[in-house]
Every structure is written in C-alpha cells, then in structure tokens.
Amino acid sequence: MKLWFIVAVMLGVYSDGTQDVYIFEQPKQGNLYSAGECKSFVRDNPLPIMRAIADEFSGRPIQKVICVSEENVKRFMEERNLDVL
C-alpha cells in the first residue's frame, strides 16, 4: 500500500532557487494511505501541523502544505542526497 506524507513548503526562495521544505514522517494517528486521507488529516488538524512547522522554522511563513506520495518524497530526497525514509 502506498504511503502519503504531509509536506510544508516555506515561503521564500534562496538565491539558488531552492526553498525550505518540511516533511512530516508520520502523523500521531498513524500512516496515511491515500491522498484523500492525507488531505482530510491536514484539513482536520491544522493547528498541530502549523505548530510543528512554526517550531521547526521559528514562525516563518508557510507557502503551502501539500500531500505527497512516498515515491515522490523518496525521489525528492535522493535527488538532494538526503537520508531517505
């Protein structure tokens, strides 16, 4: 079964064109197994999501919060030589 992740893209672009991104590894209620389930979780839990992002980025503004499939998260991380999930 495919997993889905909540991803926050922070407002602002660096001179090299990149942006800060925060990937939630797993919500407290468990894994998300569809885009719809992920979107519902984001819609129903905005405050804990916003609080986690604010803590991580010292209150910087968020451009958007999206749901991304596991394969796309892995590709994103591999392209940037980050530790894969």
Protein backbone atom coordinates (compact mmCIF):
# COMPACT_ATOMS: atom_id res chain seq x y z
CA MET A 1 0.00 0.00 0.00
CA LYS A 2 1.35 3.43 -0.94
CA LEU A 3 2.07 5.90 1.86
CA TRP A 4 1.38 9.63 1.69
CA PHE A 5 3.24 12.37 3.53
CA ILE A 6 2.33 15.88 4.64
CA VAL A 7 4.86 18.33 3.21
CA ALA A 8 5.15 22.02 4.05
CA VAL A 9 6.87 24.38 1.61
CA MET A 10 8.15 27.51 3.30
CA LEU A 11 7.73 30.97 1.83
CA GLY A 12 10.87 32.47 0.32
CA VAL A 13 13.38 31.30 -2.25
CA TYR A 14 17.16 31.13 -1.84
CA SER A 15 19.48 32.62 -4.47
CA ASP A 16 20.00 29.14 -5.95
CA GLY A 17 16.23 28.74 -6.46
CA THR A 18 15.65 26.27 -3.62
CA GLN A 19 13.10 26.52 -0.81
CA ASP A 20 12.94 25.08 2.68
CA VAL A 21 10.67 22.04 2.93
CA TYR A 22 9.41 20.15 6.00
CA ILE A 23 8.33 16.52 5.57
CA PHE A 24 6.22 15.01 8.34
CA GLU A 25 7.43 11.44 8.76
CA GLN A 26 4.26 10.10 10.38
CA PRO A 27 1.23 11.72 11.98
CA LYS A 28 0.45 10.71 15.55
CA GLN A 29 -2.65 8.76 14.50
CA GLY A 30 -0.63 6.53 12.12
CA ASN A 31 0.27 6.32 8.47
CA LEU A 32 -1.72 7.93 5.65
CA TYR A 33 -2.57 5.54 2.82
CA SER A 34 -4.25 7.78 0.24
CA ALA A 35 -4.19 11.36 -1.00
CA GLY A 36 -7.76 11.79 0.27
CA GLU A 37 -6.87 10.51 3.74
CA CYS A 38 -3.87 12.84 3.84
CA LYS A 39 -5.91 15.87 2.73
CA SER A 40 -8.59 15.08 5.31
CA PHE A 41 -5.96 14.82 8.05
CA VAL A 42 -4.49 18.20 7.05
CA ARG A 43 -7.94 19.80 6.90
CA ASP A 44 -8.99 18.35 10.28
CA ASN A 45 -5.70 19.05 12.12
CA PRO A 46 -4.41 22.47 11.05
CA LEU A 47 -3.24 23.65 14.48
CA PRO A 48 -0.86 20.78 15.35
CA ILE A 49 0.56 20.91 11.82
CA MET A 50 1.08 24.68 11.95
CA ARG A 51 2.58 24.44 15.44
CA ALA A 52 5.12 21.80 14.36
CA ILE A 53 6.15 23.87 11.34
CA ALA A 54 6.38 27.07 13.40
CA ASP A 55 8.58 25.29 15.95
CA GLU A 56 10.88 23.97 13.22
CA PHE A 57 11.16 27.27 11.29
CA SER A 58 10.84 29.84 14.10
CA GLY A 59 7.48 31.14 12.92
CA ARG A 60 8.47 31.73 9.27
CA PRO A 61 5.51 31.96 6.88
CA ILE A 62 4.34 28.85 5.05
CA GLN A 63 3.75 28.98 1.30
CA LYS A 64 1.69 25.78 1.17
CA VAL A 65 1.01 22.43 2.80
CA ILE A 66 0.58 19.54 0.37
CA CYS A 67 0.21 15.77 0.38
CA VAL A 68 2.93 13.89 -1.49
CA SER A 69 3.23 10.19 -2.32
CA GLU A 70 6.05 8.15 -0.79
CA GLU A 71 7.70 7.62 -4.18
CA ASN A 72 7.85 11.36 -4.83
CA VAL A 73 9.20 12.06 -1.34
CA LYS A 74 11.93 9.43 -1.84
CA ARG A 75 12.81 10.85 -5.27
CA PHE A 76 12.99 14.38 -3.84
CA MET A 77 15.31 13.23 -1.05
CA GLU A 78 17.52 11.11 -3.31
CA GLU A 79 17.96 13.99 -5.79
CA ARG A 80 19.23 16.14 -2.92
CA ASN A 81 21.39 13.41 -1.31
CA LEU A 82 19.32 13.46 1.87
CA ASP A 83 18.70 10.48 4.12
CA VAL A 84 15.87 8.50 2.55
CA LEU A 85 12.91 7.48 4.70
